[in-house]
Protein backbone atom coordinates (compact mmCIF):
# COMPACT_ATOMS: atom_id res chain seq x y z
CA MET A 1 -12.33 3.85 17.34
CA SER A 2 -12.66 4.77 13.85
CA ARG A 3 -11.83 2.06 11.21
CA ARG A 4 -13.81 3.35 8.34
CA VAL A 5 -12.73 5.63 5.48
CA LEU A 6 -15.42 8.37 5.42
CA ARG A 7 -14.07 11.47 3.70
CA GLY A 8 -13.04 11.21 0.09
CA PHE A 9 -13.43 7.88 -0.62
CA ARG A 10 -14.10 7.11 -4.63
CA PRO A 11 -15.69 3.74 -5.06
CA GLU A 12 -15.78 4.11 -8.67
CA ARG A 13 -11.98 4.19 -8.94
CA LEU A 14 -11.77 0.51 -7.30
CA VAL A 15 -14.06 -0.53 -9.93
CA GLU A 16 -12.18 1.08 -12.80
CA ALA A 17 -8.89 -0.31 -11.56
CA ARG A 18 -10.48 -3.71 -10.76
CA LEU A 19 -11.83 -3.98 -14.40
CA GLU A 20 -8.50 -2.73 -15.87
CA LYS A 21 -6.57 -5.52 -14.23
CA GLY A 22 -9.26 -8.21 -15.39
CA LEU A 23 -9.89 -9.33 -11.93
CA SER A 24 -13.23 -10.46 -10.58
CA ARG A 25 -14.87 -9.22 -7.31
CA GLY A 26 -13.97 -12.60 -5.94
CA ASP A 27 -10.43 -12.28 -6.99
CA VAL A 28 -10.02 -8.99 -4.95
CA ALA A 29 -12.07 -10.29 -2.05
CA ARG A 30 -9.55 -13.57 -1.67
CA SER A 31 -6.71 -11.60 -2.04
CA VAL A 32 -7.80 -8.89 0.50
CA GLY A 33 -9.24 -11.55 2.88
CA VAL A 34 -12.82 -10.13 2.76
CA SER A 35 -16.20 -11.46 1.37
CA ILE A 36 -17.35 -10.75 -2.34
CA GLY A 37 -20.17 -8.97 -0.99
CA ALA A 38 -17.90 -6.62 0.83
CA VAL A 39 -16.15 -5.60 -2.23
CA GLY A 40 -19.43 -5.22 -3.84
CA SER A 41 -20.67 -2.91 -1.35
CA TRP A 42 -17.39 -0.97 -1.41
CA GLU A 43 -17.70 -0.60 -5.24
CA THR A 44 -21.38 0.73 -5.00
CA GLY A 45 -21.00 2.97 -2.24
CA ARG A 46 -23.24 1.16 -0.04
CA ALA A 47 -20.31 0.64 2.51
CA THR A 48 -16.83 1.98 3.07
CA PRO A 49 -14.00 -0.36 3.76
CA GLN A 50 -11.75 -0.45 6.86
CA VAL A 51 -8.82 1.62 6.11
CA ASP A 52 -6.57 -1.18 6.54
CA SER A 53 -8.81 -3.31 3.96
CA LEU A 54 -8.72 -0.51 1.65
CA ALA A 55 -4.84 -0.49 1.83
CA ARG A 56 -4.55 -4.17 1.10
CA THR A 57 -7.07 -3.69 -1.69
CA VAL A 58 -5.22 -0.79 -3.61
CA GLU A 59 -2.09 -2.98 -3.35
CA VAL A 60 -3.70 -5.80 -5.16
CA LEU A 61 -4.94 -3.42 -7.72
CA GLY A 62 -1.65 -1.40 -7.94
CA LEU A 63 -2.99 1.93 -7.16
CA PRO A 64 -1.64 4.53 -4.53
CA ILE A 65 -4.47 4.94 -1.86
CA GLU A 66 -4.60 8.71 -2.82
CA ALA A 67 -6.42 7.34 -6.10
CA VAL A 68 -9.28 6.17 -4.07
CA ILE A 69 -9.17 8.50 -1.10
CA VAL A 70 -9.37 11.97 -2.36
CA VAL A 71 -9.29 15.05 0.27
CA PRO A 72 -7.49 18.12 -1.10
CA GLU A 73 -4.30 18.96 0.96
CA SER A 74 -5.59 22.07 2.18
CA GLU A 75 -8.88 20.27 3.64
CA ARG A 76 -7.16 17.35 5.26
CA TYR A 77 -7.62 16.56 8.96
CA LEU A 78 -5.65 14.07 10.85
CA SER A 79 -7.76 11.29 10.24
CA ASP A 80 -7.39 11.90 6.58
CA LEU A 81 -3.61 11.80 7.07
CA ARG A 82 -3.78 8.56 8.84
CA ALA A 83 -6.31 7.11 6.15
CA LEU A 84 -3.81 8.08 3.42
CA ARG A 85 -1.11 5.81 5.22
CA GLY A 86 -3.69 3.13 5.11
CA LEU A 87 -3.47 3.02 9.23
CA VAL A 88 -6.05 2.42 11.72
CA GLN A 89 -6.27 4.26 14.74
CA PRO A 90 -4.97 1.51 17.12
CA ASN A 91 -1.81 1.02 15.19
CA LEU A 92 -0.92 4.69 14.76
CA ALA A 93 -1.54 5.01 18.49
CA ALA A 94 0.75 2.21 19.29
CA THR A 95 3.35 3.90 17.09
CA VAL A 96 3.05 7.13 18.68
CA GLY A 97 2.96 5.79 22.12
CA ILE A 98 -0.59 6.88 23.17
CA SER A 99 -4.00 5.28 23.69
CA THR A 100 -6.50 4.89 21.13
CA SER A 101 -9.03 7.15 22.78
CA SER A 102 -6.57 9.91 23.11
CA LEU A 103 -5.83 9.62 19.44
CA ALA A 104 -9.20 9.68 18.31
CA SER A 105 -9.75 13.02 20.53
CA ILE A 106 -6.76 14.29 19.17
CA GLU A 107 -7.93 13.82 15.56
CA ARG A 108 -11.40 15.07 16.27
CA GLY A 109 -9.61 18.30 17.60
CA GLU A 110 -11.09 17.74 21.10
CA ALA A 111 -7.78 17.26 23.04
CA PRO A 112 -4.61 19.38 23.07
CA LEU A 113 -1.86 18.26 20.57
CA SER A 114 1.46 18.42 22.35
CA ASP A 115 4.64 19.13 20.39
CA GLY A 116 6.12 15.89 21.24
CA VAL A 117 2.89 13.81 19.94
CA ALA A 118 2.88 16.04 16.97
CA ALA A 119 6.40 15.24 16.14
CA LYS A 120 5.78 11.36 16.47
CA LEU A 121 2.74 11.71 14.34
CA ALA A 122 4.84 13.29 11.60
CA SER A 123 7.12 10.63 11.66
CA ALA A 124 4.80 7.99 11.70
CA LEU A 125 2.72 9.80 8.96
CA ALA A 126 5.64 10.50 6.84
CA VAL A 127 4.47 14.05 6.52
CA GLU A 128 6.15 17.50 7.93
CA LEU A 129 5.40 18.78 11.28
CA ASP A 130 3.44 21.90 9.99
CA VAL A 131 1.29 19.43 7.93
CA VAL A 132 0.27 17.62 11.04
CA GLU A 133 -0.32 20.99 13.00
CA ARG A 134 -2.47 22.20 10.22
CA ALA A 135 -4.52 19.21 9.81
CA TYR A 136 -4.97 19.25 13.61
CA GLU A 137 -6.11 23.00 13.52
CA ARG A 138 -8.58 22.22 10.75
CA ALA A 139 -10.26 19.55 12.87
CA ARG A 140 -10.27 21.99 15.78
CA ASP A 141 -11.98 24.63 13.74
CA ARG A 142 -14.26 22.99 11.84
CA PRO A 143 -17.96 23.84 12.16
CA ILE A 144 -19.83 22.26 14.96
CA GLY A 145 -21.47 19.01 13.82
CA VAL A 146 -19.03 18.20 11.09
CA PRO A 147 -16.98 15.11 11.72
CA GLY A 148 -13.48 15.23 12.21
């Protein structure tokens, strides 16, 4: 199960937004429900937040999640689309009506994407069907050894 943001995370933007709002790491940590150490690790790039924690953090900071997850539209995988909605695999899988392991396999391009699941993903991710299909194809066509 993938709960971490790996692609396109920009920790410096968290720092900038926090400082602009005049908040301490402790303020953010308390509001999000994580430790001060976790916030510090995210801000320095030593760790990446769980997608759902990041979604809560950007809400506290008044940022769109796209401000801290930067992946060009033409390079996005299904996992990027999910992260940009602030969703973890178990939640998206439940919404779509498939298992978390099935969603993980689809996100990596290792399992077929049926028309029905593609339509449900598009709806849950609030994107057009062709966006889901292209993101899936990118994951399938990525070079061997590159995470999807």
